[in-house]
Amino acid sequence: MSIPNEALQKLVQEIESQALSAQREISIVKAAVSAKQRDIRMLELTSNEVKQLSKDVKVYEGVGKMFVFSPTSRVEKRLSSEATELESDISNLNKKLHYLETTYKNSQEHMDRIFQSGGKS
């Protein structure tokens, strides 16, 4: 039994659009992971610099257009929590990336199977 040409063409177009969508999302997720990894690296460098300061050094944080005094321990705690949050975001993005890569691979396999079978079911 063969599938009619119109249905086959519609099926191929649907699978192809799904594959293109997954591929587009993959590049977006990879860029987001890269940006978050860069942010974590900046937080680590900042944290290392703050830890090297003596306890009597005054530390100021930018708030809008002004700077506010903040104890070193509070700054370290904030940097640590931001890094933890970013690592959690990266973990979630990696899960999404795995899902999208699987979707893309499956779409490609379905299209290959359709073309190899010549539209026969």
PDB file of N, CA and C in Angstrom:
ATOM      1  N   MET A   1       0.839  -1.173   0.000  1.00  0.00           N
ATOM      2  CA  MET A   1       0.000   0.000   0.000  1.00  0.00           C
ATOM      3  C   MET A   1       0.884   1.236   0.000  1.00  0.00           C
ATOM      4  N   SER A   2       0.619   2.156  -0.891  1.00  0.00           N
ATOM      5  CA  SER A   2       1.425   3.365  -0.958  1.00  0.00           C
ATOM      6  C   SER A   2       0.619   4.571  -0.467  1.00  0.00           C
ATOM      7  N   ILE A   3       1.364   5.557  -0.021  1.00  0.00           N
ATOM      8  CA  ILE A   3       0.744   6.785   0.483  1.00  0.00           C
ATOM      9  C   ILE A   3       0.564   7.730  -0.701  1.00  0.00           C
ATOM     10  N   PRO A   4      -0.604   8.407  -0.809  1.00  0.00           N
ATOM     11  CA  PRO A   4      -0.812   9.356  -1.908  1.00  0.00           C
ATOM     12  C   PRO A   4       0.247  10.469  -1.875  1.00  0.00           C
ATOM     13  N   ASN A   5       0.560  10.971  -3.058  1.00  0.00           N
ATOM     14  CA  ASN A   5       1.616  11.976  -3.179  1.00  0.00           C
ATOM     15  C   ASN A   5       1.350  13.223  -2.340  1.00  0.00           C
ATOM     16  N   GLU A   6       0.091  13.682  -2.326  1.00  0.00           N
ATOM     17  CA  GLU A   6      -0.234  14.901  -1.571  1.00  0.00           C
ATOM     18  C   GLU A   6       0.003  14.690  -0.077  1.00  0.00           C
ATOM     19  N   ALA A   7      -0.424  13.557   0.432  1.00  0.00           N
ATOM     20  CA  ALA A   7      -0.242  13.259   1.853  1.00  0.00           C
ATOM     21  C   ALA A   7       1.237  13.093   2.185  1.00  0.00           C
ATOM     22  N   LEU A   8       1.962  12.449   1.285  1.00  0.00           N
ATOM     23  CA  LEU A   8       3.394  12.247   1.485  1.00  0.00           C
ATOM     24  C   LEU A   8       4.125  13.592   1.502  1.00  0.00           C
ATOM     25  N   GLN A   9       3.762  14.453   0.569  1.00  0.00           N
ATOM     26  CA  GLN A   9       4.393  15.766   0.501  1.00  0.00           C
ATOM     27  C   GLN A   9       4.085  16.579   1.764  1.00  0.00           C
ATOM     28  N   LYS A  10       2.845  16.522   2.212  1.00  0.00           N
ATOM     29  CA  LYS A  10       2.454  17.244   3.422  1.00  0.00           C
ATOM     30  C   LYS A  10       3.219  16.705   4.639  1.00  0.00           C
ATOM     31  N   LEU A  11       3.355  15.390   4.723  1.00  0.00           N
ATOM     32  CA  LEU A  11       4.074  14.757   5.821  1.00  0.00           C
ATOM     33  C   LEU A  11       5.542  15.163   5.817  1.00  0.00           C
ATOM     34  N   VAL A  12       6.152  15.152   4.659  1.00  0.00           N
ATOM     35  CA  VAL A  12       7.562  15.536   4.544  1.00  0.00           C
ATOM     36  C   VAL A  12       7.751  17.001   4.933  1.00  0.00           C
ATOM     37  N   GLN A  13       6.844  17.869   4.504  1.00  0.00           N
ATOM     38  CA  GLN A  13       6.941  19.285   4.850  1.00  0.00           C
ATOM     39  C   GLN A  13       6.795  19.498   6.359  1.00  0.00           C
ATOM     40  N   GLU A  14       5.893  18.755   6.969  1.00  0.00           N
ATOM     41  CA  GLU A  14       5.692  18.870   8.412  1.00  0.00           C
ATOM     42  C   GLU A  14       6.925  18.409   9.177  1.00  0.00           C
ATOM     43  N   ILE A  15       7.485  17.284   8.779  1.00  0.00           N
ATOM     44  CA  ILE A  15       8.682  16.773   9.441  1.00  0.00           C
ATOM     45  C   ILE A  15       9.858  17.717   9.225  1.00  0.00           C
ATOM     46  N   GLU A  16       9.968  18.249   8.009  1.00  0.00           N
ATOM     47  CA  GLU A  16      11.056  19.169   7.699  1.00  0.00           C
ATOM     48  C   GLU A  16      10.935  20.459   8.517  1.00  0.00           C
ATOM     49  N   SER A  17       9.724  20.973   8.668  1.00  0.00           N
ATOM     50  CA  SER A  17       9.555  22.186   9.472  1.00  0.00           C
ATOM     51  C   SER A  17       9.872  21.920  10.939  1.00  0.00           C
ATOM     52  N   GLN A  18       9.530  20.737  11.426  1.00  0.00           N
ATOM     53  CA  GLN A  18       9.854  20.364  12.796  1.00  0.00           C
ATOM     54  C   GLN A  18      11.374  20.278  12.972  1.00  0.00           C
ATOM     55  N   ALA A  19      12.058  19.719  11.995  1.00  0.00           N
ATOM     56  CA  ALA A  19      13.513  19.600  12.063  1.00  0.00           C
ATOM     57  C   ALA A  19      14.173  20.983  12.033  1.00  0.00           C
ATOM     58  N   LEU A  20      13.680  21.866  11.168  1.00  0.00           N
ATOM     59  CA  LEU A  20      14.249  23.213  11.091  1.00  0.00           C
ATOM     60  C   LEU A  20      14.009  23.988  12.380  1.00  0.00           C
ATOM     61  N   SER A  21      12.825  23.817  12.945  1.00  0.00           N
ATOM     62  CA  SER A  21      12.508  24.482  14.209  1.00  0.00           C
ATOM     63  C   SER A  21      13.428  23.983  15.315  1.00  0.00           C
ATOM     64  N   ALA A  22      13.639  22.683  15.376  1.00  0.00           N
ATOM     65  CA  ALA A  22      14.528  22.111  16.388  1.00  0.00           C
ATOM     66  C   ALA A  22      15.953  22.611  16.191  1.00  0.00           C
ATOM     67  N   GLN A  23      16.394  22.681  14.947  1.00  0.00           N
ATOM     68  CA  GLN A  23      17.750  23.139  14.653  1.00  0.00           C
ATOM     69  C   GLN A  23      17.929  24.606  15.072  1.00  0.00           C
ATOM     70  N   ARG A  24      16.928  25.416  14.825  1.00  0.00           N
ATOM     71  CA  ARG A  24      16.970  26.828  15.203  1.00  0.00           C
ATOM     72  C   ARG A  24      17.029  26.953  16.740  1.00  0.00           C
ATOM     73  N   GLU A  25      16.201  26.184  17.415  1.00  0.00           N
ATOM     74  CA  GLU A  25      16.177  26.197  18.874  1.00  0.00           C
ATOM     75  C   GLU A  25      17.505  25.698  19.455  1.00  0.00           C
ATOM     76  N   ILE A  26      18.109  24.714  18.803  1.00  0.00           N
ATOM     77  CA  ILE A  26      19.401  24.190  19.263  1.00  0.00           C
ATOM     78  C   ILE A  26      20.443  25.302  19.277  1.00  0.00           C
ATOM     79  N   SER A  27      20.492  26.097  18.209  1.00  0.00           N
ATOM     80  CA  SER A  27      21.488  27.170  18.163  1.00  0.00           C
ATOM     81  C   SER A  27      21.201  28.235  19.223  1.00  0.00           C
ATOM     82  N   ILE A  28      19.926  28.503  19.505  1.00  0.00           N
ATOM     83  CA  ILE A  28      19.575  29.481  20.532  1.00  0.00           C
ATOM     84  C   ILE A  28      19.983  28.971  21.910  1.00  0.00           C
ATOM     85  N   VAL A  29      19.700  27.704  22.184  1.00  0.00           N
ATOM     86  CA  VAL A  29      20.037  27.124  23.494  1.00  0.00           C
ATOM     87  C   VAL A  29      21.549  27.070  23.678  1.00  0.00           C
ATOM     88  N   LYS A  30      22.287  26.713  22.630  1.00  0.00           N
ATOM     89  CA  LYS A  30      23.752  26.672  22.738  1.00  0.00           C
ATOM     90  C   LYS A  30      24.310  28.061  23.040  1.00  0.00           C
ATOM     91  N   ALA A  31      23.748  29.089  22.418  1.00  0.00           N
ATOM     92  CA  ALA A  31      24.193  30.458  22.686  1.00  0.00           C
ATOM     93  C   ALA A  31      23.878  30.851  24.130  1.00  0.00           C
ATOM     94  N   ALA A  32      22.711  30.448  24.630  1.00  0.00           N
ATOM     95  CA  ALA A  32      22.334  30.770  26.007  1.00  0.00           C
ATOM     96  C   ALA A  32      23.251  30.064  27.001  1.00  0.00           C
ATOM     97  N   VAL A  33      23.586  28.812  26.739  1.00  0.00           N
ATOM     98  CA  VAL A  33      24.498  28.067  27.616  1.00  0.00           C
ATOM     99  C   VAL A  33      25.865  28.748  27.632  1.00  0.00           C
ATOM    100  N   SER A  34      26.331  29.136  26.471  1.00  0.00           N
ATOM    101  CA  SER A  34      27.631  29.800  26.373  1.00  0.00           C
ATOM    102  C   SER A  34      27.631  31.112  27.161  1.00  0.00           C
ATOM    103  N   ALA A  35      26.563  31.887  27.048  1.00  0.00           N
ATOM    104  CA  ALA A  35      26.474  33.162  27.765  1.00  0.00           C
ATOM    105  C   ALA A  35      26.452  32.925  29.278  1.00  0.00           C
ATOM    106  N   LYS A  36      25.714  31.928  29.721  1.00  0.00           N
ATOM    107  CA  LYS A  36      25.631  31.650  31.158  1.00  0.00           C
ATOM    108  C   LYS A  36      26.961  31.124  31.686  1.00  0.00           C
ATOM    109  N   GLN A  37      27.684  30.341  30.895  1.00  0.00           N
ATOM    110  CA  GLN A  37      29.006  29.866  31.316  1.00  0.00           C
ATOM    111  C   GLN A  37      29.974  31.044  31.440  1.00  0.00           C
ATOM    112  N   ARG A  38      29.863  31.986  30.532  1.00  0.00           N
ATOM    113  CA  ARG A  38      30.707  33.183  30.589  1.00  0.00           C
ATOM    114  C   ARG A  38      30.380  33.994  31.854  1.00  0.00           C
ATOM    115  N   ASP A  39      29.084  34.105  32.182  1.00  0.00           N
ATOM    116  CA  ASP A  39      28.678  34.821  33.389  1.00  0.00           C
ATOM    117  C   ASP A  39      29.206  34.136  34.647  1.00  0.00           C
ATOM    118  N   ILE A  40      29.164  32.802  34.668  1.00  0.00           N
ATOM    119  CA  ILE A  40      29.695  32.067  35.819  1.00  0.00           C
ATOM    120  C   ILE A  40      31.186  32.335  35.968  1.00  0.00           C
ATOM    121  N   ARG A  41      31.894  32.345  34.874  1.00  0.00           N
ATOM    122  CA  ARG A  41      33.341  32.605  34.915  1.00  0.00           C
ATOM    123  C   ARG A  41      33.615  34.006  35.464  1.00  0.00           C
ATOM    124  N   MET A  42      32.823  34.986  35.053  1.00  0.00           N
ATOM    125  CA  MET A  42      32.998  36.346  35.567  1.00  0.00           C
ATOM    126  C   MET A  42      32.700  36.397  37.064  1.00  0.00           C
ATOM    127  N   LEU A  43      31.671  35.690  37.499  1.00  0.00           N
ATOM    128  CA  LEU A  43      31.341  35.649  38.923  1.00  0.00           C
ATOM    129  C   LEU A  43      32.466  34.985  39.724  1.00  0.00           C
ATOM    130  N   GLU A  44      33.048  33.924  39.183  1.00  0.00           N
ATOM    131  CA  GLU A  44      34.157  33.249  39.866  1.00  0.00           C
ATOM    132  C   GLU A  44      35.360  34.181  40.007  1.00  0.00           C
ATOM    133  N   LEU A  45      35.672  34.892  38.939  1.00  0.00           N
ATOM    134  CA  LEU A  45      36.805  35.823  38.992  1.00  0.00           C
ATOM    135  C   LEU A  45      36.545  36.929  40.012  1.00  0.00           C
ATOM    136  N   THR A  46      35.340  37.467  40.017  1.00  0.00           N
ATOM    137  CA  THR A  46      34.983  38.517  40.973  1.00  0.00           C
ATOM    138  C   THR A  46      35.053  37.990  42.396  1.00  0.00           C
ATOM    139  N   SER A  47      34.534  36.793  42.603  1.00  0.00           N
ATOM    140  CA  SER A  47      34.541  36.185  43.927  1.00  0.00           C
ATOM    141  C   SER A  47      35.971  35.976  44.418  1.00  0.00           C
ATOM    142  N   ASN A  48      36.848  35.509  43.551  1.00  0.00           N
ATOM    143  CA  ASN A  48      38.252  35.324  43.924  1.00  0.00           C
ATOM    144  C   ASN A  48      38.898  36.647  44.324  1.00  0.00           C
ATOM    145  N   GLU A  49      38.587  37.703  43.588  1.00  0.00           N
ATOM    146  CA  GLU A  49      39.143  39.016  43.909  1.00  0.00           C
ATOM    147  C   GLU A  49      38.622  39.513  45.257  1.00  0.00           C
ATOM    148  N   VAL A  50      37.341  39.315  45.522  1.00  0.00           N
ATOM    149  CA  VAL A  50      36.748  39.765  46.787  1.00  0.00           C
ATOM    150  C   VAL A  50      37.339  38.977  47.951  1.00  0.00           C
ATOM    151  N   LYS A  51      37.555  37.677  47.760  1.00  0.00           N
ATOM    152  CA  LYS A  51      38.119  36.846  48.834  1.00  0.00           C
ATOM    153  C   LYS A  51      39.552  37.243  49.168  1.00  0.00           C
ATOM    154  N   GLN A  52      40.271  37.801  48.205  1.00  0.00           N
ATOM    155  CA  GLN A  52      41.660  38.202  48.447  1.00  0.00           C
ATOM    156  C   GLN A  52      41.765  39.518  49.216  1.00  0.00           C
ATOM    157  N   LEU A  53      40.667  40.264  49.294  1.00  0.00           N
ATOM    158  CA  LEU A  53      40.678  41.536  50.004  1.00  0.00           C
ATOM    159  C   LEU A  53      40.736  41.299  51.511  1.00  0.00           C
ATOM    160  N   SER A  54      41.379  42.208  52.214  1.00  0.00           N
ATOM    161  CA  SER A  54      41.377  42.098  53.677  1.00  0.00           C
ATOM    162  C   SER A  54      39.998  42.506  54.195  1.00  0.00           C
ATOM    163  N   LYS A  55      39.690  42.105  55.406  1.00  0.00           N
ATOM    164  CA  LYS A  55      38.343  42.327  55.955  1.00  0.00           C
ATOM    165  C   LYS A  55      38.038  43.799  56.216  1.00  0.00           C
ATOM    166  N   ASP A  56      39.068  44.638  56.346  1.00  0.00           N
ATOM    167  CA  ASP A  56      38.814  46.046  56.634  1.00  0.00           C
ATOM    168  C   ASP A  56      38.600  46.899  55.384  1.00  0.00           C
ATOM    169  N   VAL A  57      38.708  46.292  54.198  1.00  0.00           N
ATOM    170  CA  VAL A  57      38.497  47.022  52.952  1.00  0.00           C
ATOM    171  C   VAL A  57      36.995  47.203  52.738  1.00  0.00           C
ATOM    172  N   LYS A  58      36.611  48.417  52.400  1.00  0.00           N
ATOM    173  CA  LYS A  58      35.194  48.690  52.156  1.00  0.00           C
ATOM    174  C   LYS A  58      34.855  48.289  50.718  1.00  0.00           C
ATOM    175  N   VAL A  59      33.730  47.606  50.574  1.00  0.00           N
ATOM    176  CA  VAL A  59      33.292  47.132  49.261  1.00  0.00           C
ATOM    177  C   VAL A  59      31.977  47.826  48.925  1.00  0.00           C
ATOM    178  N   TYR A  60      31.881  48.296  47.693  1.00  0.00           N
ATOM    179  CA  TYR A  60      30.678  48.973  47.242  1.00  0.00           C
ATOM    180  C   TYR A  60      30.100  48.234  46.044  1.00  0.00           C
ATOM    181  N   GLU A  61      28.777  48.151  46.006  1.00  0.00           N
ATOM    182  CA  GLU A  61      28.093  47.516  44.877  1.00  0.00           C
ATOM    183  C   GLU A  61      27.303  48.574  44.121  1.00  0.00           C
ATOM    184  N   GLY A  62      27.266  48.413  42.813  1.00  0.00           N
ATOM    185  CA  GLY A  62      26.505  49.339  41.990  1.00  0.00           C
ATOM    186  C   GLY A  62      25.017  49.053  42.088  1.00  0.00           C
ATOM    187  N   VAL A  63      24.250  50.108  42.349  1.00  0.00           N
ATOM    188  CA  VAL A  63      22.793  50.015  42.385  1.00  0.00           C
ATOM    189  C   VAL A  63      22.279  51.154  41.507  1.00  0.00           C
ATOM    190  N   GLY A  64      21.889  50.790  40.299  1.00  0.00           N
ATOM    191  CA  GLY A  64      21.460  51.843  39.370  1.00  0.00           C
ATOM    192  C   GLY A  64      22.636  52.721  39.011  1.00  0.00           C
ATOM    193  N   LYS A  65      22.513  54.039  39.324  1.00  0.00           N
ATOM    194  CA  LYS A  65      23.588  54.974  39.004  1.00  0.00           C
ATOM    195  C   LYS A  65      24.424  55.332  40.223  1.00  0.00           C
ATOM    196  N   MET A  66      24.234  54.599  41.320  1.00  0.00           N
ATOM    197  CA  MET A  66      24.996  54.916  42.522  1.00  0.00           C
ATOM    198  C   MET A  66      25.639  53.653  43.087  1.00  0.00           C
ATOM    199  N   PHE A  67      26.510  53.859  44.065  1.00  0.00           N
ATOM    200  CA  PHE A  67      27.184  52.749  44.717  1.00  0.00           C
ATOM    201  C   PHE A  67      26.814  52.744  46.188  1.00  0.00           C
ATOM    202  N   VAL A  68      26.576  51.539  46.724  1.00  0.00           N
ATOM    203  CA  VAL A  68      26.157  51.379  48.100  1.00  0.00           C
ATOM    204  C   VAL A  68      27.156  50.471  48.811  1.00  0.00           C
ATOM    205  N   PHE A  69      27.528  50.861  50.015  1.00  0.00           N
ATOM    206  CA  PHE A  69      28.435  50.044  50.812  1.00  0.00           C
ATOM    207  C   PHE A  69      27.771  48.707  51.111  1.00  0.00           C
ATOM    208  N   SER A  70      28.548  47.637  50.990  1.00  0.00           N
ATOM    209  CA  SER A  70      28.039  46.305  51.277  1.00  0.00           C
ATOM    210  C   SER A  70      29.152  45.505  51.932  1.00  0.00           C
ATOM    211  N   PRO A  71      28.868  44.818  53.049  1.00  0.00           N
ATOM    212  CA  PRO A  71      29.908  44.014  53.696  1.00  0.00           C
ATOM    213  C   PRO A  71      30.426  42.926  52.750  1.00  0.00           C
ATOM    214  N   THR A  72      31.685  42.589  52.905  1.00  0.00           N
ATOM    215  CA  THR A  72      32.319  41.601  52.040  1.00  0.00           C
ATOM    216  C   THR A  72      31.598  40.265  52.084  1.00  0.00           C
ATOM    217  N   SER A  73      31.130  39.873  53.259  1.00  0.00           N
ATOM    218  CA  SER A  73      30.437  38.580  53.385  1.00  0.00           C
ATOM    219  C   SER A  73      29.150  38.572  52.561  1.00  0.00           C
ATOM    220  N   ARG A  74      28.433  39.696  52.537  1.00  0.00           N
ATOM    221  CA  ARG A  74      27.193  39.776  51.760  1.00  0.00           C
ATOM    222  C   ARG A  74      27.498  39.697  50.260  1.00  0.00           C
ATOM    223  N   VAL A  75      28.570  40.337  49.843  1.00  0.00           N
ATOM    224  CA  VAL A  75      28.957  40.298  48.430  1.00  0.00           C
ATOM    225  C   VAL A  75      29.314  38.870  48.027  1.00  0.00           C
ATOM    226  N   GLU A  76      30.095  38.192  48.864  1.00  0.00           N
ATOM    227  CA  GLU A  76      30.478  36.805  48.573  1.00  0.00           C
ATOM    228  C   GLU A  76      29.253  35.906  48.513  1.00  0.00           C
ATOM    229  N   LYS A  77      28.316  36.107  49.433  1.00  0.00           N
ATOM    230  CA  LYS A  77      27.100  35.302  49.466  1.00  0.00           C
ATOM    231  C   LYS A  77      26.266  35.532  48.197  1.00  0.00           C
ATOM    232  N   ARG A  78      26.169  36.796  47.776  1.00  0.00           N
ATOM    233  CA  ARG A  78      25.402  37.116  46.563  1.00  0.00           C
ATOM    234  C   ARG A  78      26.056  36.495  45.329  1.00  0.00           C
ATOM    235  N   LEU A  79      27.372  36.592  45.236  1.00  0.00           N
ATOM    236  CA  LEU A  79      28.078  36.010  44.093  1.00  0.00           C
ATOM    237  C   LEU A  79      27.896  34.502  44.053  1.00  0.00           C
ATOM    238  N   SER A  80      27.956  33.881  45.213  1.00  0.00           N
ATOM    239  CA  SER A  80      27.783  32.434  45.300  1.00  0.00           C
ATOM    240  C   SER A  80      26.367  32.017  44.883  1.00  0.00           C
ATOM    241  N   SER A  81      25.368  32.741  45.357  1.00  0.00           N
ATOM    242  CA  SER A  81      23.985  32.386  45.003  1.00  0.00           C
ATOM    243  C   SER A  81      23.711  32.612  43.519  1.00  0.00           C
ATOM    244  N   GLU A  82      24.291  33.671  42.953  1.00  0.00           N
ATOM    245  CA  GLU A  82      24.118  33.911  41.515  1.00  0.00           C
ATOM    246  C   GLU A  82      24.767  32.797  40.701  1.00  0.00           C
ATOM    247  N   ALA A  83      25.942  32.348  41.126  1.00  0.00           N
ATOM    248  CA  ALA A  83      26.632  31.265  40.413  1.00  0.00           C
ATOM    249  C   ALA A  83      25.825  29.977  40.492  1.00  0.00           C
ATOM    250  N   THR A  84      25.249  29.690  41.665  1.00  0.00           N
ATOM    251  CA  THR A  84      24.425  28.490  41.831  1.00  0.00           C
ATOM    252  C   THR A  84      23.197  28.550  40.928  1.00  0.00           C
ATOM    253  N   GLU A  85      22.584  29.719  40.865  1.00  0.00           N
ATOM    254  CA  GLU A  85      21.409  29.896  40.011  1.00  0.00           C
ATOM    255  C   GLU A  85      21.763  29.705  38.536  1.00  0.00           C
ATOM    256  N   LEU A  86      22.910  30.239  38.128  1.00  0.00           N
ATOM    257  CA  LEU A  86      23.340  30.083  36.739  1.00  0.00           C
ATOM    258  C   LEU A  86      23.648  28.627  36.414  1.00  0.00           C
ATOM    259  N   GLU A  87      24.246  27.904  37.359  1.00  0.00           N
ATOM    260  CA  GLU A  87      24.530  26.492  37.129  1.00  0.00           C
ATOM    261  C   GLU A  87      23.239  25.696  36.980  1.00  0.00           C
ATOM    262  N   SER A  88      22.228  26.059  37.753  1.00  0.00           N
ATOM    263  CA  SER A  88      20.917  25.411  37.627  1.00  0.00           C
ATOM    264  C   SER A  88      20.314  25.698  36.255  1.00  0.00           C
ATOM    265  N   ASP A  89      20.432  26.960  35.811  1.00  0.00           N
ATOM    266  CA  ASP A  89      19.921  27.329  34.481  1.00  0.00           C
ATOM    267  C   ASP A  89      20.633  26.541  33.390  1.00  0.00           C
ATOM    268  N   ILE A  90      21.953  26.383  33.522  1.00  0.00           N
ATOM    269  CA  ILE A  90      22.720  25.634  32.526  1.00  0.00           C
ATOM    270  C   ILE A  90      22.267  24.182  32.498  1.00  0.00           C
ATOM    271  N   SER A  91      22.029  23.612  33.664  1.00  0.00           N
ATOM    272  CA  SER A  91      21.553  22.232  33.736  1.00  0.00           C
ATOM    273  C   SER A  91      20.223  22.077  33.001  1.00  0.00           C
ATOM    274  N   ASN A  92      19.304  23.008  33.239  1.00  0.00           N
ATOM    275  CA  ASN A  92      18.002  22.962  32.553  1.00  0.00           C
ATOM    276  C   ASN A  92      18.151  23.160  31.047  1.00  0.00           C
ATOM    277  N   LEU A  93      19.042  24.062  30.653  1.00  0.00           N
ATOM    278  CA  LEU A  93      19.269  24.282  29.223  1.00  0.00           C
ATOM    279  C   LEU A  93      19.886  23.053  28.567  1.00  0.00           C
ATOM    280  N   ASN A  94      20.764  22.351  29.273  1.00  0.00           N
ATOM    281  CA  ASN A  94      21.356  21.137  28.714  1.00  0.00           C
ATOM    282  C   ASN A  94      20.308  20.052  28.521  1.00  0.00           C
ATOM    283  N   LYS A  95      19.343  19.970  29.450  1.00  0.00           N
ATOM    284  CA  LYS A  95      18.243  19.017  29.277  1.00  0.00           C
ATOM    285  C   LYS A  95      17.428  19.373  28.044  1.00  0.00           C
ATOM    286  N   LYS A  96      17.150  20.662  27.880  1.00  0.00           N
ATOM    287  CA  LYS A  96      16.385  21.124  26.714  1.00  0.00           C
ATOM    288  C   LYS A  96      17.170  20.851  25.429  1.00  0.00           C
ATOM    289  N   LEU A  97      18.479  21.067  25.478  1.00  0.00           N
ATOM    290  CA  LEU A  97      19.330  20.820  24.316  1.00  0.00           C
ATOM    291  C   LEU A  97      19.293  19.348  23.927  1.00  0.00           C
ATOM    292  N   HIS A  98      19.365  18.473  24.911  1.00  0.00           N
ATOM    293  CA  HIS A  98      19.298  17.031  24.636  1.00  0.00           C
ATOM    294  C   HIS A  98      17.964  16.674  23.968  1.00  0.00           C
ATOM    295  N   TYR A  99      16.869  17.216  24.486  1.00  0.00           N
ATOM    296  CA  TYR A  99      15.548  16.970  23.902  1.00  0.00           C
ATOM    297  C   TYR A  99      15.491  17.457  22.455  1.00  0.00           C
ATOM    298  N   LEU A 100      15.998  18.663  22.212  1.00  0.00           N
ATOM    299  CA  LEU A 100      15.952  19.232  20.862  1.00  0.00           C
ATOM    300  C   LEU A 100      16.830  18.442  19.892  1.00  0.00           C
ATOM    301  N   GLU A 101      17.992  17.996  20.353  1.00  0.00           N
ATOM    302  CA  GLU A 101      18.865  17.202  19.486  1.00  0.00           C
ATOM    303  C   GLU A 101      18.218  15.866  19.144  1.00  0.00           C
ATOM    304  N   THR A 102      17.533  15.272  20.121  1.00  0.00           N
ATOM    305  CA  THR A 102      16.821  14.017  19.872  1.00  0.00           C
ATOM    306  C   THR A 102      15.696  14.238  18.873  1.00  0.00           C
ATOM    307  N   THR A 103      14.955  15.325  19.041  1.00  0.00           N
ATOM    308  CA  THR A 103      13.867  15.659  18.118  1.00  0.00           C
ATOM    309  C   THR A 103      14.402  15.837  16.702  1.00  0.00           C
ATOM    310  N   TYR A 104      15.507  16.564  16.568  1.00  0.00           N
ATOM    311  CA  TYR A 104      16.099  16.798  15.258  1.00  0.00           C
ATOM    312  C   TYR A 104      16.554  15.487  14.622  1.00  0.00           C
ATOM    313  N   LYS A 105      17.222  14.653  15.420  1.00  0.00           N
ATOM    314  CA  LYS A 105      17.708  13.368  14.911  1.00  0.00           C
ATOM    315  C   LYS A 105      16.538  12.489  14.458  1.00  0.00           C
ATOM    316  N   ASN A 106      15.479  12.438  15.262  1.00  0.00           N
ATOM    317  CA  ASN A 106      14.313  11.638  14.898  1.00  0.00           C
ATOM    318  C   ASN A 106      13.645  12.156  13.631  1.00  0.00           C
ATOM    319  N   SER A 107      13.572  13.457  13.490  1.00  0.00           N
ATOM    320  CA  SER A 107      12.981  14.042  12.277  1.00  0.00           C
ATOM    321  C   SER A 107      13.789  13.649  11.044  1.00  0.00           C
ATOM    322  N   GLN A 108      15.108  13.717  11.163  1.00  0.00           N
ATOM    323  CA  GLN A 108      15.968  13.336  10.043  1.00  0.00           C
ATOM    324  C   GLN A 108      15.789  11.859   9.695  1.00  0.00           C
ATOM    325  N   GLU A 109      15.704  11.018  10.728  1.00  0.00           N
ATOM    326  CA  GLU A 109      15.526   9.588  10.485  1.00  0.00           C
ATOM    327  C   GLU A 109      14.181   9.307   9.810  1.00  0.00           C
ATOM    328  N   HIS A 110      13.134   9.993  10.229  1.00  0.00           N
ATOM    329  CA  HIS A 110      11.819   9.805   9.610  1.00  0.00           C
ATOM    330  C   HIS A 110      11.844  10.219   8.137  1.00  0.00           C
ATOM    331  N   MET A 111      12.489  11.344   7.847  1.00  0.00           N
ATOM    332  CA  MET A 111      12.565  11.781   6.449  1.00  0.00           C
ATOM    333  C   MET A 111      13.385  10.796   5.627  1.00  0.00           C
ATOM    334  N   ASP A 112      14.483  10.292   6.173  1.00  0.00           N
ATOM    335  CA  ASP A 112      15.301   9.311   5.453  1.00  0.00           C
ATOM    336  C   ASP A 112      14.494   8.046   5.157  1.00  0.00           C
ATOM    337  N   ARG A 113      13.728   7.598   6.147  1.00  0.00           N
ATOM    338  CA  ARG A 113      12.912   6.403   5.954  1.00  0.00           C
ATOM    339  C   ARG A 113      11.853   6.610   4.868  1.00  0.00           C
ATOM    340  N   ILE A 114      11.244   7.781   4.857  1.00  0.00           N
ATOM    341  CA  ILE A 114      10.233   8.080   3.845  1.00  0.00           C
ATOM    342  C   ILE A 114      10.862   8.061   2.450  1.00  0.00           C
ATOM    343  N   PHE A 115      12.026   8.693   2.321  1.00  0.00           N
ATOM    344  CA  PHE A 115      12.665   8.758   1.011  1.00  0.00           C
ATOM    345  C   PHE A 115      13.190   7.383   0.569  1.00  0.00           C
ATOM    346  N   GLN A 116      13.679   6.603   1.513  1.00  0.00           N
ATOM    347  CA  GLN A 116      14.189   5.277   1.164  1.00  0.00           C
ATOM    348  C   GLN A 116      13.071   4.328   0.749  1.00  0.00           C
ATOM    349  N   SER A 117      11.920   4.472   1.410  1.00  0.00           N
ATOM    350  CA  SER A 117      10.820   3.578   1.066  1.00  0.00           C
ATOM    351  C   SER A 117      10.096   4.023  -0.201  1.00  0.00           C
ATOM    352  N   GLY A 118      10.365   5.228  -0.621  1.00  0.00           N
ATOM    353  CA  GLY A 118       9.727   5.731  -1.849  1.00  0.00           C
ATOM    354  C   GLY A 118       8.227   6.003  -1.650  1.00  0.00           C
ATOM    355  N   GLY A 119       7.833   6.272  -0.413  1.00  0.00           N
ATOM    356  CA  GLY A 119       6.449   6.608  -0.138  1.00  0.00           C
ATOM    357  C   GLY A 119       5.559   5.385   0.067  1.00  0.00           C
ATOM    358  N   LYS A 120       6.166   4.199   0.154  1.00  0.00           N
ATOM    359  CA  LYS A 120       5.374   2.979   0.371  1.00  0.00           C
ATOM    360  C   LYS A 120       5.303   2.718   1.863  1.00  0.00           C
ATOM    361  N   SER A 121       4.162   2.298   2.320  1.00  0.00           N
ATOM    362  CA  SER A 121       3.967   2.032   3.734  1.00  0.00           C
ATOM    363  C   SER A 121       4.143   0.566   4.040  1.00  0.00           C
TER     364      SER A 121
END
